Amino acid sequence: MGQFFYFLHAIGAVGMGIYLVLPFLVGRITQLSSEGQAGFADGVLIANRVAQFCLVLQLLTGGYMMTLADYSVLWSTLTLVLFLGIGALGGIMTKPLKAIVAAAKSGESAAGAISRVRLFSILLLVLYVAIIFVMQYSNI
């Protein structure tokens, strides 16, 4: 049973991997036409939703696996804070992504929304790398 949870945990980590490449993808969005920006933002919305479901999977499987071993309070707190940060930023990023789609449909500029998505994607990358570090060094 434990191996199955490790497998699900690994699947969740891979599903959240979009946060590793997102800043590099978002950096190119300004080179697209407004229709291209809308399509790109729509695709990122779907990828973000998948990553959010994978985050829930991570929390469930990780919570179960935490009961099987003895982790320090610092490690547990860091893990929880980082995962909550990833979930919050991923959710907050949804609004500017929808604003990009709406701006493209109405013919308006989406520069402000694009800069917010770029900021959130960089912050998500930093948090995702931090959580990988914390997972690798669980004896903190």
C-alpha atoms as a PDB file:
ATOM      1  CA  MET A   1       0.000   0.000   0.000  1.00  0.00           C
ATOM      2  CA  GLY A   2       2.852   2.382   0.822  1.00  0.00           C
ATOM      3  CA  GLN A   3       4.414   1.879  -2.606  1.00  0.00           C
ATOM      4  CA  PHE A   4       1.146   2.834  -4.270  1.00  0.00           C
ATOM      5  CA  PHE A   5       1.096   6.101  -2.324  1.00  0.00           C
ATOM      6  CA  TYR A   6       4.690   6.791  -3.352  1.00  0.00           C
ATOM      7  CA  PHE A   7       3.629   6.203  -6.949  1.00  0.00           C
ATOM      8  CA  LEU A   8       0.679   8.600  -6.624  1.00  0.00           C
ATOM      9  CA  HIS A   9       2.962  11.129  -4.952  1.00  0.00           C
ATOM     10  CA  ALA A  10       5.402  10.900  -7.863  1.00  0.00           C
ATOM     11  CA  ILE A  11       2.554  11.325 -10.364  1.00  0.00           C
ATOM     12  CA  GLY A  12       1.452  14.442  -8.481  1.00  0.00           C
ATOM     13  CA  ALA A  13       4.985  15.851  -8.548  1.00  0.00           C
ATOM     14  CA  VAL A  14       5.207  15.310 -12.296  1.00  0.00           C
ATOM     15  CA  GLY A  15       1.799  16.934 -12.778  1.00  0.00           C
ATOM     16  CA  MET A  16       2.977  20.010 -10.917  1.00  0.00           C
ATOM     17  CA  GLY A  17       6.044  20.159 -13.153  1.00  0.00           C
ATOM     18  CA  ILE A  18       4.362  22.771 -15.351  1.00  0.00           C
ATOM     19  CA  TYR A  19       5.482  25.283 -12.741  1.00  0.00           C
ATOM     20  CA  LEU A  20       9.106  24.539 -13.682  1.00  0.00           C
ATOM     21  CA  VAL A  21       8.711  25.593 -17.316  1.00  0.00           C
ATOM     22  CA  LEU A  22       5.940  28.165 -16.995  1.00  0.00           C
ATOM     23  CA  PRO A  23       8.173  31.250 -16.524  1.00  0.00           C
ATOM     24  CA  PHE A  24      10.052  30.402 -19.709  1.00  0.00           C
ATOM     25  CA  LEU A  25       6.829  29.895 -21.651  1.00  0.00           C
ATOM     26  CA  VAL A  26       5.226  33.073 -20.334  1.00  0.00           C
ATOM     27  CA  GLY A  27       8.305  35.040 -21.368  1.00  0.00           C
ATOM     28  CA  ARG A  28       7.351  34.453 -25.003  1.00  0.00           C
ATOM     29  CA  ILE A  29       3.689  35.418 -24.758  1.00  0.00           C
ATOM     30  CA  THR A  30       4.284  39.038 -25.773  1.00  0.00           C
ATOM     31  CA  GLN A  31       5.548  37.848 -29.153  1.00  0.00           C
ATOM     32  CA  LEU A  32       2.168  36.303 -29.973  1.00  0.00           C
ATOM     33  CA  SER A  33      -0.812  37.968 -31.580  1.00  0.00           C
ATOM     34  CA  SER A  34      -3.792  38.734 -29.363  1.00  0.00           C
ATOM     35  CA  GLU A  35      -5.532  35.552 -30.540  1.00  0.00           C
ATOM     36  CA  GLY A  36      -2.361  33.614 -29.829  1.00  0.00           C
ATOM     37  CA  GLN A  37      -2.148  35.156 -26.375  1.00  0.00           C
ATOM     38  CA  ALA A  38      -5.738  34.130 -25.674  1.00  0.00           C
ATOM     39  CA  GLY A  39      -5.070  30.566 -26.801  1.00  0.00           C
ATOM     40  CA  PHE A  40      -1.863  30.401 -24.803  1.00  0.00           C
ATOM     41  CA  ALA A  41      -3.552  31.767 -21.673  1.00  0.00           C
ATOM     42  CA  ASP A  42      -6.400  29.291 -22.107  1.00  0.00           C
ATOM     43  CA  GLY A  43      -3.895  26.430 -22.322  1.00  0.00           C
ATOM     44  CA  VAL A  44      -2.057  27.662 -19.234  1.00  0.00           C
ATOM     45  CA  LEU A  45      -5.398  27.851 -17.407  1.00  0.00           C
ATOM     46  CA  ILE A  46      -5.982  24.172 -18.133  1.00  0.00           C
ATOM     47  CA  ALA A  47      -2.414  23.253 -17.150  1.00  0.00           C
ATOM     48  CA  ASN A  48      -2.764  25.260 -13.943  1.00  0.00           C
ATOM     49  CA  ARG A  49      -6.003  23.469 -13.105  1.00  0.00           C
ATOM     50  CA  VAL A  50      -4.300  20.097 -13.615  1.00  0.00           C
ATOM     51  CA  ALA A  51      -1.412  21.254 -11.428  1.00  0.00           C
ATOM     52  CA  GLN A  52      -3.872  22.332  -8.730  1.00  0.00           C
ATOM     53  CA  PHE A  53      -5.497  18.880  -8.748  1.00  0.00           C
ATOM     54  CA  CYS A  54      -2.028  17.346  -8.554  1.00  0.00           C
ATOM     55  CA  LEU A  55      -1.285  19.609  -5.588  1.00  0.00           C
ATOM     56  CA  VAL A  56      -4.318  18.190  -3.790  1.00  0.00           C
ATOM     57  CA  LEU A  57      -3.064  14.696  -4.631  1.00  0.00           C
ATOM     58  CA  GLN A  58       0.338  15.688  -3.202  1.00  0.00           C
ATOM     59  CA  LEU A  59      -1.227  16.924   0.016  1.00  0.00           C
ATOM     60  CA  LEU A  60      -3.309  13.778   0.486  1.00  0.00           C
ATOM     61  CA  THR A  61      -0.563  11.285  -0.299  1.00  0.00           C
ATOM     62  CA  GLY A  62       2.087  13.330   1.482  1.00  0.00           C
ATOM     63  CA  GLY A  63      -0.097  13.640   4.563  1.00  0.00           C
ATOM     64  CA  TYR A  64      -0.525   9.885   4.633  1.00  0.00           C
ATOM     65  CA  MET A  65       3.199   9.280   4.181  1.00  0.00           C
ATOM     66  CA  MET A  66       3.991  11.757   6.970  1.00  0.00           C
ATOM     67  CA  THR A  67       2.104   9.500   9.379  1.00  0.00           C
ATOM     68  CA  LEU A  68       4.417   6.619   8.478  1.00  0.00           C
ATOM     69  CA  ALA A  69       7.644   8.338   9.541  1.00  0.00           C
ATOM     70  CA  ASP A  70       8.918  10.767  12.136  1.00  0.00           C
ATOM     71  CA  TYR A  71       9.577  14.217  10.658  1.00  0.00           C
ATOM     72  CA  SER A  72      10.642  17.309  12.557  1.00  0.00           C
ATOM     73  CA  VAL A  73       8.189  20.077  13.284  1.00  0.00           C
ATOM     74  CA  LEU A  74      10.330  22.466  11.212  1.00  0.00           C
ATOM     75  CA  TRP A  75      10.191  20.176   8.168  1.00  0.00           C
ATOM     76  CA  SER A  76       6.445  19.657   8.514  1.00  0.00           C
ATOM     77  CA  THR A  77       5.833  23.387   8.880  1.00  0.00           C
ATOM     78  CA  LEU A  78       8.057  24.279   5.918  1.00  0.00           C
ATOM     79  CA  THR A  79       6.322  21.688   3.782  1.00  0.00           C
ATOM     80  CA  LEU A  80       2.857  22.919   4.681  1.00  0.00           C
ATOM     81  CA  VAL A  81       3.735  26.605   4.192  1.00  0.00           C
ATOM     82  CA  LEU A  82       5.364  25.955   0.805  1.00  0.00           C
ATOM     83  CA  PHE A  83       2.441  23.862  -0.432  1.00  0.00           C
ATOM     84  CA  LEU A  84      -0.061  26.468   0.735  1.00  0.00           C
ATOM     85  CA  GLY A  85       1.998  29.127  -1.034  1.00  0.00           C
ATOM     86  CA  ILE A  86       2.004  27.118  -4.255  1.00  0.00           C
ATOM     87  CA  GLY A  87      -1.728  26.573  -4.021  1.00  0.00           C
ATOM     88  CA  ALA A  88      -2.428  30.229  -3.282  1.00  0.00           C
ATOM     89  CA  LEU A  89      -0.240  31.602  -6.070  1.00  0.00           C
ATOM     90  CA  GLY A  90      -1.591  29.067  -8.541  1.00  0.00           C
ATOM     91  CA  GLY A  91      -5.115  30.118  -7.673  1.00  0.00           C
ATOM     92  CA  ILE A  92      -4.323  33.837  -7.767  1.00  0.00           C
ATOM     93  CA  MET A  93      -2.700  33.439 -11.185  1.00  0.00           C
ATOM     94  CA  THR A  94      -6.042  32.289 -12.618  1.00  0.00           C
ATOM     95  CA  LYS A  95      -7.548  35.790 -12.620  1.00  0.00           C
ATOM     96  CA  PRO A  96      -4.855  37.449 -14.793  1.00  0.00           C
ATOM     97  CA  LEU A  97      -4.918  34.460 -17.138  1.00  0.00           C
ATOM     98  CA  LYS A  98      -8.653  34.944 -17.614  1.00  0.00           C
ATOM     99  CA  ALA A  99      -8.011  38.675 -18.070  1.00  0.00           C
ATOM    100  CA  ILE A 100      -5.615  37.897 -20.938  1.00  0.00           C
ATOM    101  CA  VAL A 101      -8.322  35.859 -22.659  1.00  0.00           C
ATOM    102  CA  ALA A 102     -10.919  38.597 -22.100  1.00  0.00           C
ATOM    103  CA  ALA A 103      -8.568  41.342 -23.328  1.00  0.00           C
ATOM    104  CA  ALA A 104      -7.795  39.428 -26.494  1.00  0.00           C
ATOM    105  CA  LYS A 105     -11.490  38.936 -27.229  1.00  0.00           C
ATOM    106  CA  SER A 106     -12.254  42.615 -26.716  1.00  0.00           C
ATOM    107  CA  GLY A 107      -9.153  43.855 -28.547  1.00  0.00           C
ATOM    108  CA  GLU A 108      -7.625  45.543 -25.480  1.00  0.00           C
ATOM    109  CA  SER A 109      -4.055  45.403 -24.257  1.00  0.00           C
ATOM    110  CA  ALA A 110      -3.233  42.577 -21.863  1.00  0.00           C
ATOM    111  CA  ALA A 111       0.192  43.915 -20.818  1.00  0.00           C
ATOM    112  CA  GLY A 112      -0.720  44.301 -17.141  1.00  0.00           C
ATOM    113  CA  ALA A 113      -2.199  40.827 -16.886  1.00  0.00           C
ATOM    114  CA  ILE A 114       0.797  39.342 -18.710  1.00  0.00           C
ATOM    115  CA  SER A 115       3.224  40.968 -16.285  1.00  0.00           C
ATOM    116  CA  ARG A 116       1.246  39.601 -13.318  1.00  0.00           C
ATOM    117  CA  VAL A 117       1.243  36.100 -14.826  1.00  0.00           C
ATOM    118  CA  ARG A 118       4.991  36.413 -15.389  1.00  0.00           C
ATOM    119  CA  LEU A 119       5.509  37.435 -11.731  1.00  0.00           C
ATOM    120  CA  PHE A 120       3.323  34.650 -10.371  1.00  0.00           C
ATOM    121  CA  SER A 121       4.975  32.055 -12.592  1.00  0.00           C
ATOM    122  CA  ILE A 122       8.428  33.075 -11.328  1.00  0.00           C
ATOM    123  CA  LEU A 123       7.239  32.926  -7.715  1.00  0.00           C
ATOM    124  CA  LEU A 124       5.697  29.506  -8.354  1.00  0.00           C
ATOM    125  CA  LEU A 125       8.982  28.295  -9.824  1.00  0.00           C
ATOM    126  CA  VAL A 126      10.865  29.469  -6.718  1.00  0.00           C
ATOM    127  CA  LEU A 127       8.370  27.799  -4.372  1.00  0.00           C
ATOM    128  CA  TYR A 128       8.341  24.580  -6.396  1.00  0.00           C
ATOM    129  CA  VAL A 129      12.149  24.355  -6.361  1.00  0.00           C
ATOM    130  CA  ALA A 130      12.077  25.125  -2.622  1.00  0.00           C
ATOM    131  CA  ILE A 131       9.597  22.315  -1.969  1.00  0.00           C
ATOM    132  CA  ILE A 132      11.738  19.913  -3.987  1.00  0.00           C
ATOM    133  CA  PHE A 133      14.726  20.930  -1.845  1.00  0.00           C
ATOM    134  CA  VAL A 134      12.763  20.424   1.369  1.00  0.00           C
ATOM    135  CA  MET A 135      11.532  17.018   0.165  1.00  0.00           C
ATOM    136  CA  GLN A 136      15.076  15.964  -0.708  1.00  0.00           C
ATOM    137  CA  TYR A 137      16.445  16.983   2.695  1.00  0.00           C
ATOM    138  CA  SER A 138      13.740  15.723   5.014  1.00  0.00           C
ATOM    139  CA  ASN A 139      16.077  15.584   8.024  1.00  0.00           C
ATOM    140  CA  ILE A 140      15.879  19.365   8.560  1.00  0.00           C
END
